[in-house]
């Protein structure tokens, strides 16, 4: 089954969805779909992502989520061309809210989230890769949190990094602004699995289907218990405060990253 965000939100068909969902054996495969821009972020795409993740979270037939990008790349970060267009796009005023809501939807998702990191995940795109509970990446694919190099804030990257990884890892990723390949990410215990680049999406889907096959929602129960014990993200009751804190302590940056 394939759905788009317009169907999720209104029941009407949308001619060019920016996010697509296909279900396979209990796994909702949610695809960022701006391949002509390497899935660069614009708020309307994030609004569709929020709708899809929220719908999958409440779908009794879904037991795992796979997040991927169309066209062989995960996400190239914020689409600065669209954001800086003249005249400004109507969504520019609400960009910050769109970013926050998309991350909150992923943080609240009760199902395990598998990310298929193909080619690259840059800046804002890296934050969505880091939202994955399990990351499958290609050997030559890379992740880069490089906002520090251009004087921009990186609150969502900091939120996920500090929630999931040791301080030394956070500083290595965020302060250096370097590219980290699949093997680097595996060494840092950020990637779950590194495969040949042409197998990333296939393997991520296989993993999502495998997680969905566990009996009696075992993967969901384990994820929930882990979060409650404080081993990863904060508990559900303070996820909002966690992302707000990350935004508050980050250095001043462009509006969509606040």
Protein backbone atom coordinates (compact mmCIF):
# COMPACT_ATOMS: atom_id res chain seq x y z
CA UNK A 1 0.00 0.00 0.00
CA UNK A 2 1.26 3.46 -0.88
CA UNK A 3 -0.11 6.66 0.65
CA UNK A 4 0.79 10.33 0.56
CA UNK A 5 0.44 13.00 3.23
CA UNK A 6 -2.55 14.60 1.53
CA UNK A 7 -4.41 11.31 1.87
CA UNK A 8 -3.35 11.07 5.52
CA UNK A 9 -4.47 14.60 6.29
CA UNK A 10 -7.54 15.15 4.15
CA UNK A 11 -8.41 12.05 2.20
CA UNK A 12 -7.68 13.90 -1.07
CA UNK A 13 -4.99 12.94 -3.55
CA UNK A 14 -1.96 15.20 -3.89
CA UNK A 15 -0.33 15.30 -7.34
CA UNK A 16 3.27 15.58 -6.13
CA UNK A 17 3.72 14.34 -2.56
CA UNK A 18 6.93 15.40 -0.86
CA UNK A 19 6.85 12.33 1.38
CA UNK A 20 5.62 8.88 0.42
CA UNK A 21 4.72 5.86 2.51
CA UNK A 22 4.69 2.24 1.43
CA UNK A 23 3.79 -0.57 3.85
CA UNK A 24 5.58 -3.91 3.72
CA UNK A 25 4.91 -6.74 6.17
CA UNK A 26 4.25 -4.49 9.15
CA UNK A 27 6.93 -1.91 8.31
CA UNK A 28 5.95 1.59 7.18
CA UNK A 29 8.58 2.74 4.68
CA UNK A 30 8.51 6.54 4.77
CA UNK A 31 10.42 8.20 1.95
CA UNK A 32 11.50 11.84 1.67
CA UNK A 33 10.62 12.57 -1.93
CA UNK A 34 12.42 15.57 -3.43
CA UNK A 35 14.97 13.64 -5.48
CA UNK A 36 15.63 16.58 -7.82
CA UNK A 37 16.95 18.48 -4.76
CA UNK A 38 18.56 15.47 -3.07
CA UNK A 39 15.64 15.56 -0.61
CA UNK A 40 16.66 18.97 0.72
CA UNK A 41 14.47 20.18 3.56
CA UNK A 42 11.58 22.58 3.11
CA UNK A 43 8.85 22.97 5.75
CA UNK A 44 6.04 21.57 3.56
CA UNK A 45 8.05 18.34 3.28
CA UNK A 46 8.48 18.28 7.05
CA UNK A 47 4.76 18.82 7.58
CA UNK A 48 4.09 15.78 5.39
CA UNK A 49 6.74 13.81 7.28
CA UNK A 50 5.03 14.69 10.57
CA UNK A 51 1.68 13.54 9.19
CA UNK A 52 3.09 10.23 7.98
CA UNK A 53 5.04 9.44 11.15
CA UNK A 54 2.05 10.35 13.32
CA UNK A 55 -0.24 8.17 11.22
CA UNK A 56 2.19 5.24 11.31
CA UNK A 57 2.57 5.64 15.07
CA UNK A 58 -1.16 5.11 15.53
CA UNK A 59 -1.60 2.41 12.89
CA UNK A 60 -2.28 -1.00 14.51
CA UNK A 61 -0.89 -2.74 11.42
CA UNK A 62 2.50 -0.99 11.71
CA UNK A 63 5.20 -2.29 14.05
CA UNK A 64 8.32 -0.62 12.60
CA UNK A 65 9.22 2.46 10.55
CA UNK A 66 11.91 2.77 7.88
CA UNK A 67 12.94 6.34 7.02
CA UNK A 68 14.73 6.81 3.69
CA UNK A 69 15.27 9.27 0.84
CA UNK A 70 14.31 9.04 -2.82
CA UNK A 71 16.86 8.95 -5.63
CA UNK A 72 19.67 7.22 -3.77
CA UNK A 73 20.40 9.97 -1.23
CA UNK A 74 19.05 10.49 2.28
CA UNK A 75 18.93 14.27 2.77
CA UNK A 76 21.20 17.16 1.73
CA UNK A 77 20.05 19.50 4.50
CA UNK A 78 18.08 22.73 4.39
CA UNK A 79 17.11 23.92 0.92
CA UNK A 80 18.67 27.39 1.12
CA UNK A 81 17.61 28.23 -2.44
CA UNK A 82 13.94 27.79 -1.54
CA UNK A 83 14.31 29.36 1.90
CA UNK A 84 16.01 32.50 0.54
CA UNK A 85 13.71 32.89 -2.47
CA UNK A 86 12.43 36.35 -3.36
CA UNK A 87 9.64 36.87 -2.54
CA UNK A 88 9.97 34.73 0.61
CA UNK A 89 7.85 31.57 0.62
CA UNK A 90 4.71 31.69 2.75
CA UNK A 91 5.99 28.85 4.94
CA UNK A 92 9.12 30.72 6.02
CA UNK A 93 7.42 32.24 9.07
CA UNK A 94 6.49 28.81 10.44
CA UNK A 95 9.65 26.93 9.43
CA UNK A 96 10.90 26.55 13.00
CA UNK A 97 7.63 24.96 14.11
CA UNK A 98 7.69 22.54 11.17
CA UNK A 99 11.19 21.38 12.09
CA UNK A 100 10.29 20.91 15.74
CA UNK A 101 7.06 19.03 15.04
CA UNK A 102 8.77 16.59 12.66
CA UNK A 103 11.41 15.74 15.25
CA UNK A 104 8.83 15.43 18.00
CA UNK A 105 6.80 13.03 15.85
CA UNK A 106 9.87 10.82 15.43
CA UNK A 107 10.77 11.07 19.11
CA UNK A 108 7.25 10.03 20.11
CA UNK A 109 7.02 7.18 17.62
CA UNK A 110 6.44 3.97 19.62
CA UNK A 111 7.83 1.77 16.85
CA UNK A 112 11.53 1.19 16.21
CA UNK A 113 12.75 3.62 13.53
CA UNK A 114 15.32 2.34 11.04
CA UNK A 115 17.15 4.93 8.91
CA UNK A 116 18.56 4.07 5.47
CA UNK A 117 21.50 6.46 5.17
CA UNK A 118 22.37 6.52 1.48
CA UNK A 119 25.00 8.83 0.00
CA UNK A 120 24.85 11.59 2.63
CA UNK A 121 22.96 13.20 5.50
CA UNK A 122 24.05 16.81 5.94
CA UNK A 123 23.25 19.31 8.72
CA UNK A 124 19.46 19.30 9.07
CA UNK A 125 19.42 16.03 7.16
CA UNK A 126 21.90 14.57 9.65
CA UNK A 127 19.47 15.37 12.47
CA UNK A 128 16.81 13.22 10.83
CA UNK A 129 19.31 10.39 10.33
CA UNK A 130 20.29 10.61 14.00
CA UNK A 131 16.61 10.30 14.90
CA UNK A 132 16.79 6.66 13.86
CA UNK A 133 16.95 4.00 16.54
CA UNK A 134 19.00 1.88 14.14
CA UNK A 135 20.98 3.35 11.23
CA UNK A 136 21.94 1.28 8.19
CA UNK A 137 24.53 3.13 6.11
CA UNK A 138 26.62 2.57 3.02
CA UNK A 139 30.39 2.23 3.22
CA UNK A 140 30.93 5.40 1.18
CA UNK A 141 27.92 7.26 2.58
CA UNK A 142 28.61 9.99 5.10
CA UNK A 143 27.01 12.10 7.79
CA UNK A 144 28.06 15.67 8.49
CA UNK A 145 26.99 18.12 11.20
CA UNK A 146 28.76 21.19 9.82
CA UNK A 147 26.65 24.09 11.09
CA UNK A 148 29.56 25.20 13.29
CA UNK A 149 31.60 25.95 10.17
CA UNK A 150 29.09 28.50 8.92
CA UNK A 151 28.08 29.98 12.27
CA UNK A 152 24.64 28.38 12.37
CA UNK A 153 22.82 26.67 15.21
CA UNK A 154 22.35 22.91 15.25
CA UNK A 155 19.76 22.35 18.00
CA UNK A 156 18.09 19.26 16.58
CA UNK A 157 21.44 17.58 15.92
CA UNK A 158 22.51 18.45 19.46
CA UNK A 159 19.22 17.16 20.87
CA UNK A 160 19.61 13.74 19.26
CA UNK A 161 23.36 13.47 19.78
CA UNK A 162 23.29 14.34 23.49
CA UNK A 163 20.28 12.09 24.08
CA UNK A 164 21.88 9.04 22.50
CA UNK A 165 25.68 9.24 22.65
CA UNK A 166 28.59 10.00 25.02
CA UNK A 167 29.79 13.58 25.31
CA UNK A 168 33.09 12.80 23.56
CA UNK A 169 31.19 11.49 20.54
CA UNK A 170 28.89 14.52 20.51
CA UNK A 171 31.85 16.90 20.51
CA UNK A 172 33.70 14.92 17.85
CA UNK A 173 30.71 15.05 15.51
CA UNK A 174 29.46 18.58 16.23
CA UNK A 175 32.67 20.54 16.90
CA UNK A 176 34.76 19.19 14.04
CA UNK A 177 32.10 19.62 11.37
CA UNK A 178 33.80 16.76 9.54
CA UNK A 179 32.30 14.10 7.32
CA UNK A 180 31.92 10.72 9.00
CA UNK A 181 31.73 7.74 6.66
CA UNK A 182 29.84 4.55 7.27
CA UNK A 183 32.88 2.90 8.84
CA UNK A 184 33.43 5.96 11.06
CA UNK A 185 29.81 5.83 12.21
CA UNK A 186 30.11 2.13 13.00
CA UNK A 187 33.28 2.76 15.01
CA UNK A 188 31.46 5.46 17.01
CA UNK A 189 28.50 3.12 17.62
CA UNK A 190 26.21 5.48 15.71
CA UNK A 191 25.58 3.13 12.79
CA UNK A 192 23.99 -0.24 13.48
CA UNK A 193 25.18 -1.79 10.24
CA UNK A 194 27.38 -0.87 7.26
CA UNK A 195 26.66 -2.48 3.90
CA UNK A 196 27.60 -1.98 0.27
CA UNK A 197 26.18 1.30 -0.95
CA UNK A 198 23.77 -0.29 -3.39
CA UNK A 199 22.22 -2.42 -0.62
CA UNK A 200 21.44 0.25 2.00
CA UNK A 201 17.75 0.65 1.33
CA UNK A 202 17.20 -3.06 0.79
CA UNK A 203 18.95 -3.95 4.03
CA UNK A 204 17.15 -1.22 6.01
CA UNK A 205 13.83 -2.52 4.72
CA UNK A 206 14.79 -6.08 5.64
CA UNK A 207 15.66 -4.92 9.14
CA UNK A 208 12.39 -3.02 9.48
CA UNK A 209 10.40 -6.06 8.39
CA UNK A 210 12.40 -8.24 10.79
CA UNK A 211 11.65 -5.92 13.72
CA UNK A 212 7.98 -5.84 12.73
CA UNK A 213 7.88 -9.64 12.79
CA UNK A 214 8.76 -9.94 16.47
CA UNK A 215 5.86 -11.35 18.50
CA UNK A 216 3.42 -9.32 20.59
CA UNK A 217 4.98 -5.96 19.81
CA UNK A 218 8.23 -7.00 21.48
CA UNK A 219 10.32 -4.33 19.72
CA UNK A 220 7.90 -1.57 20.71
CA UNK A 221 7.82 -2.75 24.33
CA UNK A 222 11.61 -2.91 24.50
CA UNK A 223 11.95 0.59 23.02
CA UNK A 224 9.40 1.98 25.47
CA UNK A 225 11.11 0.34 28.44
CA UNK A 226 14.51 1.61 27.33
CA UNK A 227 13.25 5.18 27.09
CA UNK A 228 11.58 4.97 30.50
CA UNK A 229 14.82 3.76 32.03
CA UNK A 230 16.57 6.83 30.65
CA UNK A 231 19.13 4.95 28.54
CA UNK A 232 18.37 7.05 25.47
CA UNK A 233 15.79 9.80 25.02
CA UNK A 234 14.02 11.49 27.91
CA UNK A 235 10.66 10.07 28.90
CA UNK A 236 7.64 11.01 26.83
CA UNK A 237 6.50 13.54 29.43
CA UNK A 238 9.48 15.82 28.84
CA UNK A 239 10.38 15.31 25.18
CA UNK A 240 8.98 18.77 24.37
CA UNK A 241 11.17 20.36 27.04
CA UNK A 242 14.20 18.44 25.76
CA UNK A 243 13.91 19.84 22.23
CA UNK A 244 13.11 23.31 23.60
CA UNK A 245 16.22 23.18 25.80
CA UNK A 246 18.35 22.16 22.82
CA UNK A 247 17.03 25.16 20.89
CA UNK A 248 17.55 27.52 23.83
CA UNK A 249 21.17 26.58 24.48
CA UNK A 250 22.24 26.48 20.83
CA UNK A 251 24.03 29.54 19.43
CA UNK A 252 21.88 31.93 17.44
CA UNK A 253 21.21 30.66 13.94
CA UNK A 254 18.80 30.94 11.08
CA UNK A 255 15.08 30.75 11.95
CA UNK A 256 14.36 27.27 10.58
CA UNK A 257 17.00 25.78 12.85
CA UNK A 258 15.65 27.39 16.02
